[in-house]
Amino acid sequence: MQDRSVIASVAPVALVCFLFTAPVRAQEPLEEPPKIEAAGPAQLDLLMKKQEAALVAKDGAELMRVLDEMVSFNNPELAVVAREALSYKLTKVDKAAVEAQAEELGMRKKKEKKLLLFEREGAVQAAAARLLANFPGDKKASSALVKAFKDKRLRKDKPKALGAVILSLAQVGNRKVEPDVYKLFKAFEHEDIMRASVRYFGTIKTNDYSIVRALCEQLAAPEPGAVDSPSNPPGSYWASRWEKWSKIRRDVAWSLKELTGQVFRPAEGEHPGDSAKALSYIKDNKRKLGLK
């Protein structure tokens, strides 16, 4: 019979090895941006009435649905609506709805309910951020997004909302937050923030060589170096990192295509990915690509 201690020590490594060699499941195609146009007078009037009704009802979920209806339009009135909704705070109606949701889901712990509250509030803010992306020439829209980006509560508790804010900052062409977005990218913490950060770099056409190099490195799957080293993180760390990487790998390839005009494959199955090829290309073509 095998020694149980030996099995226990090998198991985490085996798990990581399995994850690195297992095929990455196909993901849904990257979403196409909606066609943006001005709503006609009657349509705009209807949308504004729906928004007013949601505010009167103090219902965040309904306000989020209205904001999502508005996302295909760029009437100036809607920019005002979005800016106000970006700082939305939960109402008693929202909190009661969350209590009912928690009861239905069998959630009793305060921490669990708190996460639901953050999720509901963040959903409204994310919808508002998506709408603000329709106003690239509006300085107030850009300023509102920057303010949300710097909001500590958003960063700590609402990763989906922060991801939406980052994407919208890219779409309005705000390059001032690039260093901070890079810090979030390197932190490698949450899928929504990671995906948004990667696409931010491709959308604004970053010319930062360090950032483009980091993207090239992400074409390869993360894997432990010295497996037997005491300083090497446990298998659970690498499993989590691999899972997050698998969600952003296609975004990395998209961003590099935007930045270099070249198609580089991320690792998949037995294919190791084009990380080395991409790194060599940007090194040889640094001046041509305008990287600094």
C-alpha atoms as a PDB file:
ATOM      1  CA  MET A   1       0.000   0.000   0.000  1.00  0.00           C
ATOM      2  CA  GLN A   2       1.280   3.485  -0.874  1.00  0.00           C
ATOM      3  CA  ASP A   3       2.233   5.846   1.909  1.00  0.00           C
ATOM      4  CA  ARG A   4      -0.626   8.387   2.330  1.00  0.00           C
ATOM      5  CA  SER A   5       1.863  11.222   3.011  1.00  0.00           C
ATOM      6  CA  VAL A   6       3.465  10.630  -0.374  1.00  0.00           C
ATOM      7  CA  ILE A   7       0.076  10.757  -2.103  1.00  0.00           C
ATOM      8  CA  ALA A   8      -0.824  13.968  -0.277  1.00  0.00           C
ATOM      9  CA  SER A   9       2.417  15.654  -1.319  1.00  0.00           C
ATOM     10  CA  VAL A  10       2.034  14.652  -4.962  1.00  0.00           C
ATOM     11  CA  ALA A  11      -1.682  15.428  -5.364  1.00  0.00           C
ATOM     12  CA  PRO A  12      -1.443  19.235  -5.691  1.00  0.00           C
ATOM     13  CA  VAL A  13       1.273  18.929  -8.338  1.00  0.00           C
ATOM     14  CA  ALA A  14      -0.732  16.323 -10.220  1.00  0.00           C
ATOM     15  CA  LEU A  15      -3.768  18.597 -10.191  1.00  0.00           C
ATOM     16  CA  VAL A  16      -1.769  21.487 -11.615  1.00  0.00           C
ATOM     17  CA  CYS A  17      -0.206  19.284 -14.291  1.00  0.00           C
ATOM     18  CA  PHE A  18      -3.662  18.078 -15.298  1.00  0.00           C
ATOM     19  CA  LEU A  19      -4.927  21.625 -15.599  1.00  0.00           C
ATOM     20  CA  PHE A  20      -1.999  22.677 -17.747  1.00  0.00           C
ATOM     21  CA  THR A  21      -2.409  19.773 -20.167  1.00  0.00           C
ATOM     22  CA  ALA A  22      -6.212  19.659 -20.281  1.00  0.00           C
ATOM     23  CA  PRO A  23      -7.786  21.322 -23.327  1.00  0.00           C
ATOM     24  CA  VAL A  24      -9.177  24.778 -22.698  1.00  0.00           C
ATOM     25  CA  ARG A  25     -12.913  24.706 -23.264  1.00  0.00           C
ATOM     26  CA  ALA A  26     -14.169  26.842 -26.109  1.00  0.00           C
ATOM     27  CA  GLN A  27     -15.450  30.215 -24.923  1.00  0.00           C
ATOM     28  CA  GLU A  28     -18.253  32.290 -26.276  1.00  0.00           C
ATOM     29  CA  PRO A  29     -17.209  34.691 -29.057  1.00  0.00           C
ATOM     30  CA  LEU A  30     -16.108  38.093 -27.823  1.00  0.00           C
ATOM     31  CA  GLU A  31     -19.135  40.346 -27.757  1.00  0.00           C
ATOM     32  CA  GLU A  32     -19.567  42.813 -30.582  1.00  0.00           C
ATOM     33  CA  PRO A  33     -20.184  46.426 -29.503  1.00  0.00           C
ATOM     34  CA  PRO A  34     -23.757  47.556 -30.115  1.00  0.00           C
ATOM     35  CA  LYS A  35     -24.531  50.009 -32.900  1.00  0.00           C
ATOM     36  CA  ILE A  36     -24.788  53.456 -31.313  1.00  0.00           C
ATOM     37  CA  GLU A  37     -27.265  56.042 -32.563  1.00  0.00           C
ATOM     38  CA  ALA A  38     -29.541  58.789 -31.288  1.00  0.00           C
ATOM     39  CA  ALA A  39     -32.942  57.686 -30.039  1.00  0.00           C
ATOM     40  CA  GLY A  40     -35.898  59.337 -31.720  1.00  0.00           C
ATOM     41  CA  PRO A  41     -38.040  61.794 -29.714  1.00  0.00           C
ATOM     42  CA  ALA A  42     -40.749  59.263 -28.856  1.00  0.00           C
ATOM     43  CA  GLN A  43     -38.242  56.552 -27.934  1.00  0.00           C
ATOM     44  CA  LEU A  44     -36.176  58.943 -25.819  1.00  0.00           C
ATOM     45  CA  ASP A  45     -39.287  60.150 -24.009  1.00  0.00           C
ATOM     46  CA  LEU A  46     -40.267  56.545 -23.223  1.00  0.00           C
ATOM     47  CA  LEU A  47     -36.799  55.724 -21.901  1.00  0.00           C
ATOM     48  CA  MET A  48     -36.737  58.807 -19.687  1.00  0.00           C
ATOM     49  CA  LYS A  49     -40.169  57.939 -18.275  1.00  0.00           C
ATOM     50  CA  LYS A  50     -39.006  54.412 -17.505  1.00  0.00           C
ATOM     51  CA  GLN A  51     -35.941  55.775 -15.747  1.00  0.00           C
ATOM     52  CA  GLU A  52     -38.063  58.175 -13.701  1.00  0.00           C
ATOM     53  CA  ALA A  53     -40.413  55.333 -12.738  1.00  0.00           C
ATOM     54  CA  ALA A  54     -37.474  53.215 -11.567  1.00  0.00           C
ATOM     55  CA  LEU A  55     -36.205  56.096  -9.423  1.00  0.00           C
ATOM     56  CA  VAL A  56     -39.642  56.701  -7.936  1.00  0.00           C
ATOM     57  CA  ALA A  57     -39.947  52.986  -7.155  1.00  0.00           C
ATOM     58  CA  LYS A  58     -36.415  53.102  -5.712  1.00  0.00           C
ATOM     59  CA  ASP A  59     -35.742  49.816  -7.469  1.00  0.00           C
ATOM     60  CA  GLY A  60     -32.108  49.288  -8.487  1.00  0.00           C
ATOM     61  CA  ALA A  61     -32.844  46.177 -10.523  1.00  0.00           C
ATOM     62  CA  GLU A  62     -35.392  48.052 -12.641  1.00  0.00           C
ATOM     63  CA  LEU A  63     -33.022  51.005 -13.059  1.00  0.00           C
ATOM     64  CA  MET A  64     -30.339  48.613 -14.295  1.00  0.00           C
ATOM     65  CA  ARG A  65     -32.729  47.190 -16.896  1.00  0.00           C
ATOM     66  CA  VAL A  66     -33.589  50.694 -18.122  1.00  0.00           C
ATOM     67  CA  LEU A  67     -29.903  51.618 -18.378  1.00  0.00           C
ATOM     68  CA  ASP A  68     -29.314  48.491 -20.437  1.00  0.00           C
ATOM     69  CA  GLU A  69     -32.149  49.560 -22.746  1.00  0.00           C
ATOM     70  CA  MET A  70     -30.425  52.922 -23.178  1.00  0.00           C
ATOM     71  CA  VAL A  71     -27.035  51.439 -24.073  1.00  0.00           C
ATOM     72  CA  SER A  72     -27.604  51.604 -27.840  1.00  0.00           C
ATOM     73  CA  PHE A  73     -28.201  55.355 -27.797  1.00  0.00           C
ATOM     74  CA  ASN A  74     -26.083  58.479 -27.346  1.00  0.00           C
ATOM     75  CA  ASN A  75     -28.526  61.303 -26.710  1.00  0.00           C
ATOM     76  CA  PRO A  76     -26.942  63.895 -24.359  1.00  0.00           C
ATOM     77  CA  GLU A  77     -29.793  63.434 -21.874  1.00  0.00           C
ATOM     78  CA  LEU A  78     -28.713  59.829 -21.375  1.00  0.00           C
ATOM     79  CA  ALA A  79     -25.187  60.875 -20.400  1.00  0.00           C
ATOM     80  CA  VAL A  80     -26.683  62.800 -17.481  1.00  0.00           C
ATOM     81  CA  VAL A  81     -28.727  59.759 -16.453  1.00  0.00           C
ATOM     82  CA  ALA A  82     -25.645  57.526 -16.591  1.00  0.00           C
ATOM     83  CA  ARG A  83     -23.461  59.895 -14.575  1.00  0.00           C
ATOM     84  CA  GLU A  84     -26.031  60.002 -11.793  1.00  0.00           C
ATOM     85  CA  ALA A  85     -26.532  56.224 -11.820  1.00  0.00           C
ATOM     86  CA  LEU A  86     -22.784  55.606 -11.620  1.00  0.00           C
ATOM     87  CA  SER A  87     -22.889  56.685  -7.966  1.00  0.00           C
ATOM     88  CA  TYR A  88     -26.082  54.730  -7.192  1.00  0.00           C
ATOM     89  CA  LYS A  89     -26.663  53.755  -3.561  1.00  0.00           C
ATOM     90  CA  LEU A  90     -28.986  50.972  -2.446  1.00  0.00           C
ATOM     91  CA  THR A  91     -32.429  51.894  -1.166  1.00  0.00           C
ATOM     92  CA  LYS A  92     -34.657  50.201   1.406  1.00  0.00           C
ATOM     93  CA  VAL A  93     -36.473  48.542  -1.490  1.00  0.00           C
ATOM     94  CA  ASP A  94     -33.177  47.103  -2.752  1.00  0.00           C
ATOM     95  CA  LYS A  95     -32.179  45.865   0.687  1.00  0.00           C
ATOM     96  CA  ALA A  96     -35.558  44.199   1.193  1.00  0.00           C
ATOM     97  CA  ALA A  97     -35.212  42.507  -2.198  1.00  0.00           C
ATOM     98  CA  VAL A  98     -31.761  41.239  -1.231  1.00  0.00           C
ATOM     99  CA  GLU A  99     -33.117  39.886   2.060  1.00  0.00           C
ATOM    100  CA  ALA A 100     -35.787  37.984   0.129  1.00  0.00           C
ATOM    101  CA  GLN A 101     -33.178  36.702  -2.322  1.00  0.00           C
ATOM    102  CA  ALA A 102     -30.933  35.532   0.508  1.00  0.00           C
ATOM    103  CA  GLU A 103     -33.869  33.768   2.153  1.00  0.00           C
ATOM    104  CA  GLU A 104     -34.712  32.010  -1.109  1.00  0.00           C
ATOM    105  CA  LEU A 105     -31.090  30.925  -1.561  1.00  0.00           C
ATOM    106  CA  GLY A 106     -30.828  29.739   2.026  1.00  0.00           C
ATOM    107  CA  MET A 107     -28.186  32.326   2.917  1.00  0.00           C
ATOM    108  CA  ARG A 108     -27.991  33.125   6.616  1.00  0.00           C
ATOM    109  CA  LYS A 109     -24.547  34.604   7.114  1.00  0.00           C
ATOM    110  CA  LYS A 110     -24.092  38.385   7.078  1.00  0.00           C
ATOM    111  CA  LYS A 111     -21.078  38.034   4.789  1.00  0.00           C
ATOM    112  CA  GLU A 112     -23.155  36.212   2.178  1.00  0.00           C
ATOM    113  CA  LYS A 113     -25.901  38.819   2.296  1.00  0.00           C
ATOM    114  CA  LYS A 114     -23.319  41.592   2.081  1.00  0.00           C
ATOM    115  CA  LEU A 115     -21.990  40.102  -1.155  1.00  0.00           C
ATOM    116  CA  LEU A 116     -25.514  40.114  -2.598  1.00  0.00           C
ATOM    117  CA  LEU A 117     -25.874  43.780  -1.668  1.00  0.00           C
ATOM    118  CA  PHE A 118     -22.606  44.639  -3.392  1.00  0.00           C
ATOM    119  CA  GLU A 119     -23.691  42.645  -6.421  1.00  0.00           C
ATOM    120  CA  ARG A 120     -27.010  44.510  -6.739  1.00  0.00           C
ATOM    121  CA  GLU A 121     -25.457  47.949  -6.298  1.00  0.00           C
ATOM    122  CA  GLY A 122     -22.563  47.069  -8.597  1.00  0.00           C
ATOM    123  CA  ALA A 123     -24.925  45.863 -11.334  1.00  0.00           C
ATOM    124  CA  VAL A 124     -26.502  49.329 -11.556  1.00  0.00           C
ATOM    125  CA  GLN A 125     -23.098  51.013 -11.599  1.00  0.00           C
ATOM    126  CA  ALA A 126     -21.815  48.638 -14.289  1.00  0.00           C
ATOM    127  CA  ALA A 127     -24.830  49.395 -16.493  1.00  0.00           C
ATOM    128  CA  ALA A 128     -24.246  53.121 -15.999  1.00  0.00           C
ATOM    129  CA  ALA A 129     -20.577  52.725 -16.954  1.00  0.00           C
ATOM    130  CA  ARG A 130     -21.482  50.830 -20.129  1.00  0.00           C
ATOM    131  CA  LEU A 131     -23.829  53.655 -21.135  1.00  0.00           C
ATOM    132  CA  LEU A 132     -21.154  56.315 -20.539  1.00  0.00           C
ATOM    133  CA  ALA A 133     -18.937  54.577 -23.105  1.00  0.00           C
ATOM    134  CA  ASN A 134     -21.248  56.094 -25.746  1.00  0.00           C
ATOM    135  CA  PHE A 135     -19.934  59.600 -25.024  1.00  0.00           C
ATOM    136  CA  PRO A 136     -16.225  59.737 -25.938  1.00  0.00           C
ATOM    137  CA  GLY A 137     -16.217  63.509 -26.420  1.00  0.00           C
ATOM    138  CA  ASP A 138     -17.971  64.271 -23.150  1.00  0.00           C
ATOM    139  CA  LYS A 139     -15.458  65.435 -20.518  1.00  0.00           C
ATOM    140  CA  LYS A 140     -18.012  65.018 -17.749  1.00  0.00           C
ATOM    141  CA  ALA A 141     -18.564  61.387 -18.761  1.00  0.00           C
ATOM    142  CA  SER A 142     -14.828  60.701 -18.684  1.00  0.00           C
ATOM    143  CA  SER A 143     -14.439  62.453 -15.320  1.00  0.00           C
ATOM    144  CA  ALA A 144     -17.299  60.440 -13.828  1.00  0.00           C
ATOM    145  CA  LEU A 145     -15.674  57.204 -15.000  1.00  0.00           C
ATOM    146  CA  VAL A 146     -12.286  58.220 -13.561  1.00  0.00           C
ATOM    147  CA  LYS A 147     -13.923  59.051 -10.231  1.00  0.00           C
ATOM    148  CA  ALA A 148     -15.599  55.625 -10.179  1.00  0.00           C
ATOM    149  CA  PHE A 149     -12.318  53.953 -11.139  1.00  0.00           C
ATOM    150  CA  LYS A 150     -10.653  55.505  -8.085  1.00  0.00           C
ATOM    151  CA  ASP A 151     -13.515  54.569  -5.743  1.00  0.00           C
ATOM    152  CA  LYS A 152     -12.032  52.250  -3.096  1.00  0.00           C
ATOM    153  CA  ARG A 153     -15.356  50.503  -2.483  1.00  0.00           C
ATOM    154  CA  LEU A 154     -15.698  49.709  -6.160  1.00  0.00           C
ATOM    155  CA  ARG A 155     -12.190  48.252  -6.277  1.00  0.00           C
ATOM    156  CA  LYS A 156     -12.630  46.219  -3.129  1.00  0.00           C
ATOM    157  CA  ASP A 157     -16.175  44.879  -3.415  1.00  0.00           C
ATOM    158  CA  LYS A 158     -17.477  45.240  -6.998  1.00  0.00           C
ATOM    159  CA  PRO A 159     -15.106  43.700  -9.549  1.00  0.00           C
ATOM    160  CA  LYS A 160     -17.754  43.435 -12.272  1.00  0.00           C
ATOM    161  CA  ALA A 161     -18.563  47.122 -11.963  1.00  0.00           C
ATOM    162  CA  LEU A 162     -14.871  48.025 -11.975  1.00  0.00           C
ATOM    163  CA  GLY A 163     -14.391  45.914 -15.098  1.00  0.00           C
ATOM    164  CA  ALA A 164     -17.196  47.807 -16.834  1.00  0.00           C
ATOM    165  CA  VAL A 165     -15.651  51.129 -15.799  1.00  0.00           C
ATOM    166  CA  ILE A 166     -12.244  50.132 -17.204  1.00  0.00           C
ATOM    167  CA  LEU A 167     -13.757  49.066 -20.528  1.00  0.00           C
ATOM    168  CA  SER A 168     -15.676  52.322 -20.805  1.00  0.00           C
ATOM    169  CA  LEU A 169     -12.586  54.365 -19.974  1.00  0.00           C
ATOM    170  CA  ALA A 170     -10.910  52.639 -22.906  1.00  0.00           C
ATOM    171  CA  GLN A 171     -13.838  53.364 -25.211  1.00  0.00           C
ATOM    172  CA  VAL A 172     -13.872  57.074 -24.336  1.00  0.00           C
ATOM    173  CA  GLY A 173     -10.113  57.150 -24.973  1.00  0.00           C
ATOM    174  CA  ASN A 174      -8.895  57.940 -21.451  1.00  0.00           C
ATOM    175  CA  ARG A 175      -5.189  57.049 -21.292  1.00  0.00           C
ATOM    176  CA  LYS A 176      -4.464  58.737 -17.953  1.00  0.00           C
ATOM    177  CA  VAL A 177      -5.463  55.679 -15.938  1.00  0.00           C
ATOM    178  CA  GLU A 178      -3.196  53.344 -17.940  1.00  0.00           C
ATOM    179  CA  PRO A 179      -0.519  52.968 -15.195  1.00  0.00           C
ATOM    180  CA  ASP A 180      -3.179  52.055 -12.622  1.00  0.00           C
ATOM    181  CA  VAL A 181      -4.889  49.638 -15.010  1.00  0.00           C
ATOM    182  CA  TYR A 182      -1.501  47.961 -15.511  1.00  0.00           C
ATOM    183  CA  LYS A 183      -1.156  47.532 -11.744  1.00  0.00           C
ATOM    184  CA  LEU A 184      -4.556  45.846 -11.628  1.00  0.00           C
ATOM    185  CA  PHE A 185      -3.556  43.638 -14.563  1.00  0.00           C
ATOM    186  CA  LYS A 186      -0.377  42.515 -12.802  1.00  0.00           C
ATOM    187  CA  ALA A 187      -2.304  41.777  -9.602  1.00  0.00           C
ATOM    188  CA  PHE A 188      -4.073  38.961 -11.507  1.00  0.00           C
ATOM    189  CA  GLU A 189      -6.976  38.881  -9.085  1.00  0.00           C
ATOM    190  CA  HIS A 190     -10.419  38.821 -10.712  1.00  0.00           C
ATOM    191  CA  GLU A 191     -11.546  37.601 -14.131  1.00  0.00           C
ATOM    192  CA  ASP A 192     -13.694  40.657 -14.929  1.00  0.00           C
ATOM    193  CA  ILE A 193     -10.923  43.090 -14.018  1.00  0.00           C
ATOM    194  CA  MET A 194      -8.326  41.039 -15.890  1.00  0.00           C
ATOM    195  CA  ARG A 195     -10.408  40.820 -19.084  1.00  0.00           C
ATOM    196  CA  ALA A 196     -11.244  44.522 -18.966  1.00  0.00           C
ATOM    197  CA  SER A 197      -7.600  45.478 -18.393  1.00  0.00           C
ATOM    198  CA  VAL A 198      -6.373  43.374 -21.314  1.00  0.00           C
ATOM    199  CA  ARG A 199      -8.968  44.846 -23.660  1.00  0.00           C
ATOM    200  CA  TYR A 200      -8.243  48.345 -22.349  1.00  0.00           C
ATOM    201  CA  PHE A 201      -4.658  48.080 -23.617  1.00  0.00           C
ATOM    202  CA  GLY A 202      -5.764  46.926 -27.049  1.00  0.00           C
ATOM    203  CA  THR A 203      -8.502  49.531 -27.342  1.00  0.00           C
ATOM    204  CA  ILE A 204      -6.358  52.544 -26.450  1.00  0.00           C
ATOM    205  CA  LYS A 205      -3.483  51.114 -28.553  1.00  0.00           C
ATOM    206  CA  THR A 206      -0.939  51.265 -25.731  1.00  0.00           C
ATOM    207  CA  ASN A 207       2.631  52.040 -26.771  1.00  0.00           C
ATOM    208  CA  ASP A 208       4.139  50.903 -23.478  1.00  0.00           C
ATOM    209  CA  TYR A 209       6.672  48.184 -24.285  1.00  0.00           C
ATOM    210  CA  SER A 210       6.458  46.688 -20.776  1.00  0.00           C
ATOM    211  CA  ILE A 211       2.703  46.261 -21.068  1.00  0.00           C
ATOM    212  CA  VAL A 212       2.881  44.707 -24.541  1.00  0.00           C
ATOM    213  CA  ARG A 213       5.621  42.380 -23.330  1.00  0.00           C
ATOM    214  CA  ALA A 214       3.459  41.335 -20.376  1.00  0.00           C
ATOM    215  CA  LEU A 215       0.600  40.564 -22.779  1.00  0.00           C
ATOM    216  CA  CYS A 216       2.911  38.400 -24.893  1.00  0.00           C
ATOM    217  CA  GLU A 217       3.892  36.449 -21.786  1.00  0.00           C
ATOM    218  CA  GLN A 218       0.219  35.744 -21.094  1.00  0.00           C
ATOM    219  CA  LEU A 219      -0.026  33.705 -24.311  1.00  0.00           C
ATOM    220  CA  ALA A 220       1.640  30.920 -22.327  1.00  0.00           C
ATOM    221  CA  ALA A 221      -0.221  29.096 -19.582  1.00  0.00           C
ATOM    222  CA  PRO A 222       1.011  29.852 -16.048  1.00  0.00           C
ATOM    223  CA  GLU A 223       2.983  26.984 -14.563  1.00  0.00           C
ATOM    224  CA  PRO A 224       5.154  26.445 -11.500  1.00  0.00           C
ATOM    225  CA  GLY A 225       8.902  26.745 -11.849  1.00  0.00           C
ATOM    226  CA  ALA A 226      10.822  24.747  -9.273  1.00  0.00           C
ATOM    227  CA  VAL A 227       8.086  22.368  -8.105  1.00  0.00           C
ATOM    228  CA  ASP A 228      10.172  20.986  -5.231  1.00  0.00           C
ATOM    229  CA  SER A 229      11.228  24.402  -3.932  1.00  0.00           C
ATOM    230  CA  PRO A 230       9.823  25.296  -0.470  1.00  0.00           C
ATOM    231  CA  SER A 231       9.106  28.816  -1.771  1.00  0.00           C
ATOM    232  CA  ASN A 232       6.942  27.520  -4.628  1.00  0.00           C
ATOM    233  CA  PRO A 233       3.229  28.317  -4.030  1.00  0.00           C
ATOM    234  CA  PRO A 234       0.916  25.348  -3.399  1.00  0.00           C
ATOM    235  CA  GLY A 235      -0.981  23.560  -6.149  1.00  0.00           C
ATOM    236  CA  SER A 236      -4.188  25.438  -5.280  1.00  0.00           C
ATOM    237  CA  TYR A 237      -2.465  28.736  -6.147  1.00  0.00           C
ATOM    238  CA  TRP A 238      -1.445  27.513  -9.599  1.00  0.00           C
ATOM    239  CA  ALA A 239      -4.840  25.925 -10.218  1.00  0.00           C
ATOM    240  CA  SER A 240      -6.551  29.249  -9.446  1.00  0.00           C
ATOM    241  CA  ARG A 241      -4.089  31.186 -11.584  1.00  0.00           C
ATOM    242  CA  TRP A 242      -4.556  28.792 -14.501  1.00  0.00           C
ATOM    243  CA  GLU A 243      -8.344  29.102 -14.238  1.00  0.00           C
ATOM    244  CA  LYS A 244      -8.165  32.908 -14.419  1.00  0.00           C
ATOM    245  CA  TRP A 245      -5.666  32.803 -17.282  1.00  0.00           C
ATOM    246  CA  SER A 246      -7.924  30.461 -19.275  1.00  0.00           C
ATOM    247  CA  LYS A 247     -10.656  33.124 -19.150  1.00  0.00           C
ATOM    248  CA  ILE A 248      -8.469  35.938 -20.538  1.00  0.00           C
ATOM    249  CA  ARG A 249      -6.284  34.124 -23.090  1.00  0.00           C
ATOM    250  CA  ARG A 250      -8.526  34.992 -26.063  1.00  0.00           C
ATOM    251  CA  ASP A 251      -8.670  38.616 -24.949  1.00  0.00           C
ATOM    252  CA  VAL A 252      -4.866  38.642 -24.850  1.00  0.00           C
ATOM    253  CA  ALA A 253      -4.713  37.364 -28.439  1.00  0.00           C
ATOM    254  CA  TRP A 254      -7.278  39.992 -29.505  1.00  0.00           C
ATOM    255  CA  SER A 255      -5.371  42.815 -27.823  1.00  0.00           C
ATOM    256  CA  LEU A 256      -2.063  41.784 -29.392  1.00  0.00           C
ATOM    257  CA  LYS A 257      -3.730  41.665 -32.816  1.00  0.00           C
ATOM    258  CA  GLU A 258      -4.914  45.252 -32.252  1.00  0.00           C
ATOM    259  CA  LEU A 259      -1.450  46.347 -31.153  1.00  0.00           C
ATOM    260  CA  THR A 260       0.771  44.501 -33.627  1.00  0.00           C
ATOM    261  CA  GLY A 261      -1.460  43.513 -36.523  1.00  0.00           C
ATOM    262  CA  GLN A 262      -0.203  39.945 -36.018  1.00  0.00           C
ATOM    263  CA  VAL A 263      -2.131  36.829 -35.006  1.00  0.00           C
ATOM    264  CA  PHE A 264      -0.567  35.029 -32.046  1.00  0.00           C
ATOM    265  CA  ARG A 265      -2.112  31.893 -30.583  1.00  0.00           C
ATOM    266  CA  PRO A 266      -2.527  31.409 -26.842  1.00  0.00           C
ATOM    267  CA  ALA A 267      -1.654  28.023 -25.352  1.00  0.00           C
ATOM    268  CA  GLU A 268      -4.311  25.376 -25.820  1.00  0.00           C
ATOM    269  CA  GLY A 269      -4.148  21.637 -25.319  1.00  0.00           C
ATOM    270  CA  GLU A 270      -0.734  20.454 -26.489  1.00  0.00           C
ATOM    271  CA  HIS A 271       0.003  23.728 -28.306  1.00  0.00           C
ATOM    272  CA  PRO A 272       2.329  25.767 -26.030  1.00  0.00           C
ATOM    273  CA  GLY A 273       1.154  29.112 -27.411  1.00  0.00           C
ATOM    274  CA  ASP A 274       3.049  31.771 -29.359  1.00  0.00           C
ATOM    275  CA  SER A 275       4.497  33.603 -26.370  1.00  0.00           C
ATOM    276  CA  ALA A 276       8.145  33.237 -27.465  1.00  0.00           C
ATOM    277  CA  LYS A 277       7.227  34.134 -31.060  1.00  0.00           C
ATOM    278  CA  ALA A 278       5.322  37.234 -29.943  1.00  0.00           C
ATOM    279  CA  LEU A 279       8.111  38.365 -27.603  1.00  0.00           C
ATOM    280  CA  SER A 280      10.639  38.014 -30.412  1.00  0.00           C
ATOM    281  CA  TYR A 281       8.397  39.943 -32.817  1.00  0.00           C
ATOM    282  CA  ILE A 282       7.867  42.963 -30.578  1.00  0.00           C
ATOM    283  CA  LYS A 283      11.582  43.056 -29.732  1.00  0.00           C
ATOM    284  CA  ASP A 284      12.559  43.067 -33.423  1.00  0.00           C
ATOM    285  CA  ASN A 285       9.816  45.548 -34.384  1.00  0.00           C
ATOM    286  CA  LYS A 286       9.811  47.809 -31.343  1.00  0.00           C
ATOM    287  CA  ARG A 287      10.501  51.014 -33.281  1.00  0.00           C
ATOM    288  CA  LYS A 288       8.125  50.097 -36.128  1.00  0.00           C
ATOM    289  CA  LEU A 289       5.317  49.477 -33.622  1.00  0.00           C
ATOM    290  CA  GLY A 290       6.040  52.757 -31.837  1.00  0.00           C
ATOM    291  CA  LEU A 291       6.679  51.051 -28.502  1.00  0.00           C
ATOM    292  CA  LYS A 292       8.586  52.862 -25.779  1.00  0.00           C
END
